[in-house]
Amino acid sequence: MKILNINLKTEYFNEIKQGIKPFEFRLKNDYWTKRLVSREYDELYIKLGYPKANDEKRIIKFPYIGYEVQNITHSEFGTNTVEVFAIKIKY
């Protein structure tokens, strides 16, 4: 089984846990392009920080349903509009 692991800050982890965040954004750069483009995953693991493998309170598991490319403005990426991979969260 192929798993895409995404480690998050508390704020964004809690938004996903509450079911209010439909995407997790990653800057469209070489690193994320290699991890996402032309790759298939079975599951998406959203993690609070870097938990131990058995710390179920800090890991949320979803089926992986892909991503889309978006242009967004977000404080995590500065003040300019940037191109991102919007990884879909299926609740």
C-alpha atoms as a PDB file:
ATOM      1  CA  MET A   1       0.000   0.000   0.000  1.00  0.00           C
ATOM      2  CA  LYS A   2       1.370   3.417  -1.000  1.00  0.00           C
ATOM      3  CA  ILE A   3       0.801   6.215   1.503  1.00  0.00           C
ATOM      4  CA  LEU A   4       1.276   9.955   1.034  1.00  0.00           C
ATOM      5  CA  ASN A   5       2.294  11.428   4.400  1.00  0.00           C
ATOM      6  CA  ILE A   6       1.655  15.123   5.020  1.00  0.00           C
ATOM      7  CA  ASN A   7       2.948  16.702   8.237  1.00  0.00           C
ATOM      8  CA  LEU A   8       1.104  19.799   9.446  1.00  0.00           C
ATOM      9  CA  LYS A   9       1.117  22.556  12.002  1.00  0.00           C
ATOM     10  CA  THR A  10      -1.570  22.375  14.708  1.00  0.00           C
ATOM     11  CA  GLU A  11      -3.789  25.039  13.116  1.00  0.00           C
ATOM     12  CA  TYR A  12      -4.146  23.225   9.798  1.00  0.00           C
ATOM     13  CA  PHE A  13      -4.352  19.752  11.354  1.00  0.00           C
ATOM     14  CA  ASN A  14      -7.283  20.902  13.518  1.00  0.00           C
ATOM     15  CA  GLU A  15      -9.090  22.430  10.521  1.00  0.00           C
ATOM     16  CA  ILE A  16      -8.886  19.103   8.698  1.00  0.00           C
ATOM     17  CA  LYS A  17      -9.908  17.191  11.826  1.00  0.00           C
ATOM     18  CA  GLN A  18     -12.989  19.445  12.126  1.00  0.00           C
ATOM     19  CA  GLY A  19     -13.888  18.792   8.489  1.00  0.00           C
ATOM     20  CA  ILE A  20     -13.629  22.404   7.325  1.00  0.00           C
ATOM     21  CA  LYS A  21     -10.520  22.269   5.128  1.00  0.00           C
ATOM     22  CA  PRO A  22     -11.151  20.592   1.731  1.00  0.00           C
ATOM     23  CA  PHE A  23      -7.550  20.837   0.487  1.00  0.00           C
ATOM     24  CA  GLU A  24      -4.023  20.742   1.848  1.00  0.00           C
ATOM     25  CA  PHE A  25      -1.767  23.036  -0.160  1.00  0.00           C
ATOM     26  CA  ARG A  26       1.816  22.385  -1.177  1.00  0.00           C
ATOM     27  CA  LEU A  27       3.877  24.781  -3.267  1.00  0.00           C
ATOM     28  CA  LYS A  28       4.277  23.613  -6.853  1.00  0.00           C
ATOM     29  CA  ASN A  29       8.041  23.093  -6.844  1.00  0.00           C
ATOM     30  CA  ASP A  30      10.421  20.299  -7.893  1.00  0.00           C
ATOM     31  CA  TYR A  31      10.108  18.448  -4.567  1.00  0.00           C
ATOM     32  CA  TRP A  32       6.297  18.220  -4.597  1.00  0.00           C
ATOM     33  CA  THR A  33       6.148  17.653  -8.353  1.00  0.00           C
ATOM     34  CA  LYS A  34       8.307  14.533  -7.930  1.00  0.00           C
ATOM     35  CA  ARG A  35       6.088  13.321  -5.074  1.00  0.00           C
ATOM     36  CA  LEU A  36       2.747  13.918  -6.778  1.00  0.00           C
ATOM     37  CA  VAL A  37       2.852  14.056 -10.586  1.00  0.00           C
ATOM     38  CA  SER A  38       2.457  10.649 -12.265  1.00  0.00           C
ATOM     39  CA  ARG A  39       2.364   8.908  -8.860  1.00  0.00           C
ATOM     40  CA  GLU A  40      -0.437   6.857  -7.389  1.00  0.00           C
ATOM     41  CA  TYR A  41      -1.208   6.526  -3.695  1.00  0.00           C
ATOM     42  CA  ASP A  42      -3.765   4.424  -1.843  1.00  0.00           C
ATOM     43  CA  GLU A  43      -4.064   6.538   1.288  1.00  0.00           C
ATOM     44  CA  LEU A  44      -3.347  10.033   2.570  1.00  0.00           C
ATOM     45  CA  TYR A  45      -2.081  10.362   6.137  1.00  0.00           C
ATOM     46  CA  ILE A  46      -2.423  13.824   7.654  1.00  0.00           C
ATOM     47  CA  LYS A  47      -0.114  14.072  10.667  1.00  0.00           C
ATOM     48  CA  LEU A  48       0.203  16.589  13.463  1.00  0.00           C
ATOM     49  CA  GLY A  49       3.912  17.306  13.464  1.00  0.00           C
ATOM     50  CA  TYR A  50       6.027  14.142  13.386  1.00  0.00           C
ATOM     51  CA  PRO A  51       4.195  11.581  15.547  1.00  0.00           C
ATOM     52  CA  LYS A  52       5.207   8.034  16.329  1.00  0.00           C
ATOM     53  CA  ALA A  53       3.588   5.474  14.025  1.00  0.00           C
ATOM     54  CA  ASN A  54       1.169   4.273  16.727  1.00  0.00           C
ATOM     55  CA  ASP A  55       0.048   7.754  17.868  1.00  0.00           C
ATOM     56  CA  GLU A  56      -3.465   7.559  16.391  1.00  0.00           C
ATOM     57  CA  LYS A  57      -4.534  10.889  17.962  1.00  0.00           C
ATOM     58  CA  ARG A  58      -2.052  12.721  15.745  1.00  0.00           C
ATOM     59  CA  ILE A  59      -2.724  10.851  12.472  1.00  0.00           C
ATOM     60  CA  ILE A  60      -5.862  11.168  10.332  1.00  0.00           C
ATOM     61  CA  LYS A  61      -6.224   8.649   7.506  1.00  0.00           C
ATOM     62  CA  PHE A  62      -8.101   9.327   4.271  1.00  0.00           C
ATOM     63  CA  PRO A  63      -8.360   7.591   0.912  1.00  0.00           C
ATOM     64  CA  TYR A  64      -6.113   9.359  -1.575  1.00  0.00           C
ATOM     65  CA  ILE A  65      -8.229  10.984  -4.291  1.00  0.00           C
ATOM     66  CA  GLY A  66      -5.613  13.137  -5.966  1.00  0.00           C
ATOM     67  CA  TYR A  67      -4.916  16.816  -6.335  1.00  0.00           C
ATOM     68  CA  GLU A  68      -5.572  19.781  -8.547  1.00  0.00           C
ATOM     69  CA  VAL A  69      -3.346  22.724  -9.401  1.00  0.00           C
ATOM     70  CA  GLN A  70      -4.584  26.081  -8.092  1.00  0.00           C
ATOM     71  CA  ASN A  71      -3.370  29.659  -7.867  1.00  0.00           C
ATOM     72  CA  ILE A  72      -3.825  31.008  -4.342  1.00  0.00           C
ATOM     73  CA  THR A  73      -2.708  33.788  -2.032  1.00  0.00           C
ATOM     74  CA  HIS A  74      -1.971  32.519   1.481  1.00  0.00           C
ATOM     75  CA  SER A  75       0.121  33.853   4.343  1.00  0.00           C
ATOM     76  CA  GLU A  76       2.171  30.618   4.463  1.00  0.00           C
ATOM     77  CA  PHE A  77       3.483  31.418   0.968  1.00  0.00           C
ATOM     78  CA  GLY A  78       3.937  35.177   1.330  1.00  0.00           C
ATOM     79  CA  THR A  79       1.869  38.010  -0.132  1.00  0.00           C
ATOM     80  CA  ASN A  80       2.003  37.051  -3.809  1.00  0.00           C
ATOM     81  CA  THR A  81      -0.253  34.620  -5.643  1.00  0.00           C
ATOM     82  CA  VAL A  82       1.481  31.260  -6.052  1.00  0.00           C
ATOM     83  CA  GLU A  83       0.789  28.043  -7.930  1.00  0.00           C
ATOM     84  CA  VAL A  84       0.135  25.100  -5.604  1.00  0.00           C
ATOM     85  CA  PHE A  85      -0.849  21.473  -5.547  1.00  0.00           C
ATOM     86  CA  ALA A  86      -4.210  21.352  -3.763  1.00  0.00           C
ATOM     87  CA  ILE A  87      -4.315  17.836  -2.309  1.00  0.00           C
ATOM     88  CA  LYS A  88      -7.946  16.786  -1.962  1.00  0.00           C
ATOM     89  CA  ILE A  89      -9.348  15.750   1.416  1.00  0.00           C
ATOM     90  CA  LYS A  90     -12.289  13.326   1.215  1.00  0.00           C
ATOM     91  CA  TYR A  91     -14.387  13.403   4.390  1.00  0.00           C
END
